[in-house]
C-alpha atoms as a PDB file:
ATOM      1  CA  UNK A   1     -30.152  21.939 -96.573  1.00  0.00           C
ATOM      2  CA  UNK A   2     -30.662  18.287 -97.461  1.00  0.00           C
ATOM      3  CA  UNK A   3     -28.914  16.940-100.580  1.00  0.00           C
ATOM      4  CA  UNK A   4     -30.665  19.014-103.222  1.00  0.00           C
ATOM      5  CA  UNK A   5     -33.839  19.386-101.168  1.00  0.00           C
ATOM      6  CA  UNK A   6     -33.660  22.999 -99.987  1.00  0.00           C
ATOM      7  CA  UNK A   7     -37.381  22.922 -99.134  1.00  0.00           C
ATOM      8  CA  UNK A   8     -37.224  19.765 -96.971  1.00  0.00           C
ATOM      9  CA  UNK A   9     -38.343  20.406 -93.407  1.00  0.00           C
ATOM     10  CA  UNK A  10     -38.152  16.814 -92.113  1.00  0.00           C
ATOM     11  CA  UNK A  11     -35.602  14.241 -93.219  1.00  0.00           C
ATOM     12  CA  UNK A  12     -34.735  10.755 -92.080  1.00  0.00           C
ATOM     13  CA  UNK A  13     -32.209   8.035 -92.840  1.00  0.00           C
ATOM     14  CA  UNK A  14     -33.034   4.766 -94.590  1.00  0.00           C
ATOM     15  CA  UNK A  15     -31.053   1.837 -95.924  1.00  0.00           C
ATOM     16  CA  UNK A  16     -31.763  -1.121 -98.170  1.00  0.00           C
ATOM     17  CA  UNK A  17     -33.008  -4.253 -96.469  1.00  0.00           C
ATOM     18  CA  UNK A  18     -30.640  -7.113 -97.219  1.00  0.00           C
ATOM     19  CA  UNK A  19     -32.330 -10.252 -95.875  1.00  0.00           C
ATOM     20  CA  UNK A  20     -35.784 -11.804 -95.861  1.00  0.00           C
ATOM     21  CA  UNK A  21     -35.633 -12.207 -92.081  1.00  0.00           C
ATOM     22  CA  UNK A  22     -35.063  -8.458 -91.672  1.00  0.00           C
ATOM     23  CA  UNK A  23     -37.908  -7.777 -94.113  1.00  0.00           C
ATOM     24  CA  UNK A  24     -40.307  -9.941 -92.116  1.00  0.00           C
ATOM     25  CA  UNK A  25     -39.246  -8.639 -88.674  1.00  0.00           C
ATOM     26  CA  UNK A  26     -42.013  -6.430 -87.233  1.00  0.00           C
ATOM     27  CA  UNK A  27     -39.390  -4.518 -85.218  1.00  0.00           C
ATOM     28  CA  UNK A  28     -37.840  -3.389 -88.516  1.00  0.00           C
ATOM     29  CA  UNK A  29     -39.799  -0.384 -89.742  1.00  0.00           C
ATOM     30  CA  UNK A  30     -40.144  -0.318 -93.526  1.00  0.00           C
ATOM     31  CA  UNK A  31     -40.744   2.684 -95.775  1.00  0.00           C
ATOM     32  CA  UNK A  32     -41.897   3.042 -99.365  1.00  0.00           C
ATOM     33  CA  UNK A  33     -40.684   6.023-101.375  1.00  0.00           C
ATOM     34  CA  UNK A  34     -42.079   8.315-104.036  1.00  0.00           C
ATOM     35  CA  UNK A  35     -40.108   9.552-107.048  1.00  0.00           C
ATOM     36  CA  UNK A  36     -38.358  12.321-105.105  1.00  0.00           C
ATOM     37  CA  UNK A  37     -37.393  10.062-102.172  1.00  0.00           C
ATOM     38  CA  UNK A  38     -40.220  11.315-100.015  1.00  0.00           C
ATOM     39  CA  UNK A  39     -41.811   8.737 -97.742  1.00  0.00           C
ATOM     40  CA  UNK A  40     -45.199   7.528 -98.914  1.00  0.00           C
ATOM     41  CA  UNK A  41     -45.841   5.285 -95.893  1.00  0.00           C
ATOM     42  CA  UNK A  42     -44.052   3.542 -93.019  1.00  0.00           C
ATOM     43  CA  UNK A  43     -45.051   0.138 -91.671  1.00  0.00           C
ATOM     44  CA  UNK A  44     -43.917  -2.681 -89.453  1.00  0.00           C
ATOM     45  CA  UNK A  45     -45.147  -5.058 -92.162  1.00  0.00           C
ATOM     46  CA  UNK A  46     -43.240  -5.681 -95.408  1.00  0.00           C
ATOM     47  CA  UNK A  47     -44.171  -3.006 -97.942  1.00  0.00           C
ATOM     48  CA  UNK A  48     -44.716  -3.019-100.803  1.00  0.00           C
ATOM     49  CA  UNK A  49     -46.672  -6.265-100.757  1.00  0.00           C
ATOM     50  CA  UNK A  50     -45.773  -8.432-103.743  1.00  0.00           C
ATOM     51  CA  UNK A  51     -48.811 -10.262-104.984  1.00  0.00           C
ATOM     52  CA  UNK A  52     -48.554 -13.788-106.424  1.00  0.00           C
ATOM     53  CA  UNK A  53     -44.929 -14.237-105.308  1.00  0.00           C
ATOM     54  CA  UNK A  54     -43.926 -16.380-102.312  1.00  0.00           C
ATOM     55  CA  UNK A  55     -42.582 -14.232 -99.461  1.00  0.00           C
ATOM     56  CA  UNK A  56     -39.191 -15.963 -99.564  1.00  0.00           C
ATOM     57  CA  UNK A  57     -38.726 -14.662-103.142  1.00  0.00           C
ATOM     58  CA  UNK A  58     -39.712 -11.044-102.507  1.00  0.00           C
ATOM     59  CA  UNK A  59     -36.120  -9.817-102.223  1.00  0.00           C
ATOM     60  CA  UNK A  60     -35.619 -10.845-105.885  1.00  0.00           C
ATOM     61  CA  UNK A  61     -38.554  -8.739-107.086  1.00  0.00           C
ATOM     62  CA  UNK A  62     -38.272  -5.373-105.314  1.00  0.00           C
ATOM     63  CA  UNK A  63     -36.039  -3.104-103.298  1.00  0.00           C
ATOM     64  CA  UNK A  64     -37.160  -2.742 -99.693  1.00  0.00           C
ATOM     65  CA  UNK A  65     -36.039   0.005 -97.327  1.00  0.00           C
ATOM     66  CA  UNK A  66     -35.530   0.029 -93.582  1.00  0.00           C
ATOM     67  CA  UNK A  67     -36.187   3.204 -91.622  1.00  0.00           C
ATOM     68  CA  UNK A  68     -33.148   3.966 -89.469  1.00  0.00           C
ATOM     69  CA  UNK A  69     -35.150   6.139 -87.063  1.00  0.00           C
ATOM     70  CA  UNK A  70     -32.887   9.175 -87.044  1.00  0.00           C
ATOM     71  CA  UNK A  71     -34.506  12.477 -88.044  1.00  0.00           C
ATOM     72  CA  UNK A  72     -33.463  15.970 -89.010  1.00  0.00           C
ATOM     73  CA  UNK A  73     -35.988  18.797 -88.645  1.00  0.00           C
ATOM     74  CA  UNK A  74     -36.196  22.502 -89.165  1.00  0.00           C
ATOM     75  CA  UNK A  75     -37.130  24.196 -85.893  1.00  0.00           C
ATOM     76  CA  UNK A  76     -40.428  25.311 -87.427  1.00  0.00           C
ATOM     77  CA  UNK A  77     -41.343  21.740 -88.431  1.00  0.00           C
ATOM     78  CA  UNK A  78     -40.444  20.399 -84.996  1.00  0.00           C
ATOM     79  CA  UNK A  79     -42.606  23.006 -83.251  1.00  0.00           C
ATOM     80  CA  UNK A  80     -45.490  22.231 -85.627  1.00  0.00           C
ATOM     81  CA  UNK A  81     -45.449  18.432 -85.421  1.00  0.00           C
ATOM     82  CA  UNK A  82     -45.241  18.368 -81.636  1.00  0.00           C
ATOM     83  CA  UNK A  83     -48.692  20.013 -81.531  1.00  0.00           C
ATOM     84  CA  UNK A  84     -50.400  17.467 -83.782  1.00  0.00           C
ATOM     85  CA  UNK A  85     -53.050  15.119 -82.423  1.00  0.00           C
ATOM     86  CA  UNK A  86     -52.153  11.477 -82.943  1.00  0.00           C
ATOM     87  CA  UNK A  87     -53.555   9.982 -86.144  1.00  0.00           C
ATOM     88  CA  UNK A  88     -55.216   6.515 -85.872  1.00  0.00           C
ATOM     89  CA  UNK A  89     -52.440   4.981 -88.025  1.00  0.00           C
ATOM     90  CA  UNK A  90     -49.861   6.113 -85.473  1.00  0.00           C
ATOM     91  CA  UNK A  91     -51.766   4.270 -82.769  1.00  0.00           C
ATOM     92  CA  UNK A  92     -52.165   1.141 -84.903  1.00  0.00           C
ATOM     93  CA  UNK A  93     -48.540   0.835 -86.091  1.00  0.00           C
ATOM     94  CA  UNK A  94     -46.926   2.653 -83.137  1.00  0.00           C
ATOM     95  CA  UNK A  95     -45.098   4.977 -85.561  1.00  0.00           C
ATOM     96  CA  UNK A  96     -45.247   8.716 -84.844  1.00  0.00           C
ATOM     97  CA  UNK A  97     -44.206   9.703 -88.363  1.00  0.00           C
ATOM     98  CA  UNK A  98     -47.541   8.445 -89.713  1.00  0.00           C
ATOM     99  CA  UNK A  99     -49.248  11.365 -87.948  1.00  0.00           C
ATOM    100  CA  UNK A 100     -46.872  13.763 -89.689  1.00  0.00           C
ATOM    101  CA  UNK A 101     -47.550  12.251 -93.125  1.00  0.00           C
ATOM    102  CA  UNK A 102     -51.311  12.219 -92.522  1.00  0.00           C
ATOM    103  CA  UNK A 103     -51.139  15.931 -91.724  1.00  0.00           C
ATOM    104  CA  UNK A 104     -49.269  16.793 -94.916  1.00  0.00           C
ATOM    105  CA  UNK A 105     -45.693  16.998 -93.630  1.00  0.00           C
ATOM    106  CA  UNK A 106     -43.417  15.403 -96.249  1.00  0.00           C
ATOM    107  CA  UNK A 107     -40.504  13.350 -94.951  1.00  0.00           C
ATOM    108  CA  UNK A 108     -37.460  13.326 -97.226  1.00  0.00           C
ATOM    109  CA  UNK A 109     -35.540  10.039 -97.041  1.00  0.00           C
ATOM    110  CA  UNK A 110     -31.773   9.871 -97.431  1.00  0.00           C
ATOM    111  CA  UNK A 111     -30.198   6.483 -98.094  1.00  0.00           C
ATOM    112  CA  UNK A 112     -27.159   5.517 -96.058  1.00  0.00           C
ATOM    113  CA  UNK A 113     -25.007   2.427 -95.793  1.00  0.00           C
ATOM    114  CA  UNK A 114     -24.589   2.404 -92.026  1.00  0.00           C
ATOM    115  CA  UNK A 115     -26.069  -0.374 -89.963  1.00  0.00           C
ATOM    116  CA  UNK A 116     -28.252   0.338 -86.984  1.00  0.00           C
ATOM    117  CA  UNK A 117     -30.086  -1.794 -84.509  1.00  0.00           C
ATOM    118  CA  UNK A 118     -32.976  -0.540 -82.414  1.00  0.00           C
ATOM    119  CA  UNK A 119     -33.459  -1.777 -78.881  1.00  0.00           C
ATOM    120  CA  UNK A 120     -37.082  -2.812 -78.550  1.00  0.00           C
ATOM    121  CA  UNK A 121     -36.714  -6.205 -76.872  1.00  0.00           C
ATOM    122  CA  UNK A 122     -34.406  -7.941 -74.406  1.00  0.00           C
ATOM    123  CA  UNK A 123     -32.938  -9.895 -77.338  1.00  0.00           C
ATOM    124  CA  UNK A 124     -32.158  -6.566 -79.090  1.00  0.00           C
ATOM    125  CA  UNK A 125     -30.334  -5.383 -75.967  1.00  0.00           C
ATOM    126  CA  UNK A 126     -28.181  -8.531 -75.984  1.00  0.00           C
ATOM    127  CA  UNK A 127     -27.338  -8.065 -79.664  1.00  0.00           C
ATOM    128  CA  UNK A 128     -26.378  -4.402 -79.260  1.00  0.00           C
ATOM    129  CA  UNK A 129     -24.382  -5.125 -76.089  1.00  0.00           C
ATOM    130  CA  UNK A 130     -22.472  -7.782 -78.026  1.00  0.00           C
ATOM    131  CA  UNK A 131     -21.871  -5.348 -80.903  1.00  0.00           C
ATOM    132  CA  UNK A 132     -20.501  -2.722 -78.483  1.00  0.00           C
ATOM    133  CA  UNK A 133     -18.225  -5.244 -76.769  1.00  0.00           C
ATOM    134  CA  UNK A 134     -16.962  -6.483 -80.144  1.00  0.00           C
ATOM    135  CA  UNK A 135     -16.248  -2.913 -81.262  1.00  0.00           C
ATOM    136  CA  UNK A 136     -14.407  -2.131 -78.004  1.00  0.00           C
ATOM    137  CA  UNK A 137     -12.206  -5.223 -78.506  1.00  0.00           C
ATOM    138  CA  UNK A 138     -11.254  -3.961 -81.972  1.00  0.00           C
ATOM    139  CA  UNK A 139     -10.201  -0.532 -80.678  1.00  0.00           C
ATOM    140  CA  UNK A 140      -7.986  -1.846 -77.884  1.00  0.00           C
END
């Protein structure tokens, strides 16, 4: 059961993007939402695109969401999506959830405050290693 969404079969965590640099980072996956907090699309590019506004001012004109990358599934949904053939958008963006959306599987998004950092590059590994070391220092 997902926060008032008893029919949700796939859910994922999102959080508001706070900086322009995070918005423009292609390693930060963005998501746009429908009225019921279901994902409409995920992209490595900033979405929604804000026409006629300089990129550095976008944060003042819209709320942008980062996909945290943590999912919850019903067992039936998990068994179903693992059998799907990859959709071309998945191959283009390198985002598996685009195949699910293209095949009619809604993804309910739940906003959280927690920070996360994916490890996709050597620089990411350094950042996360530093975060872990800093956290260990605080607990000792």
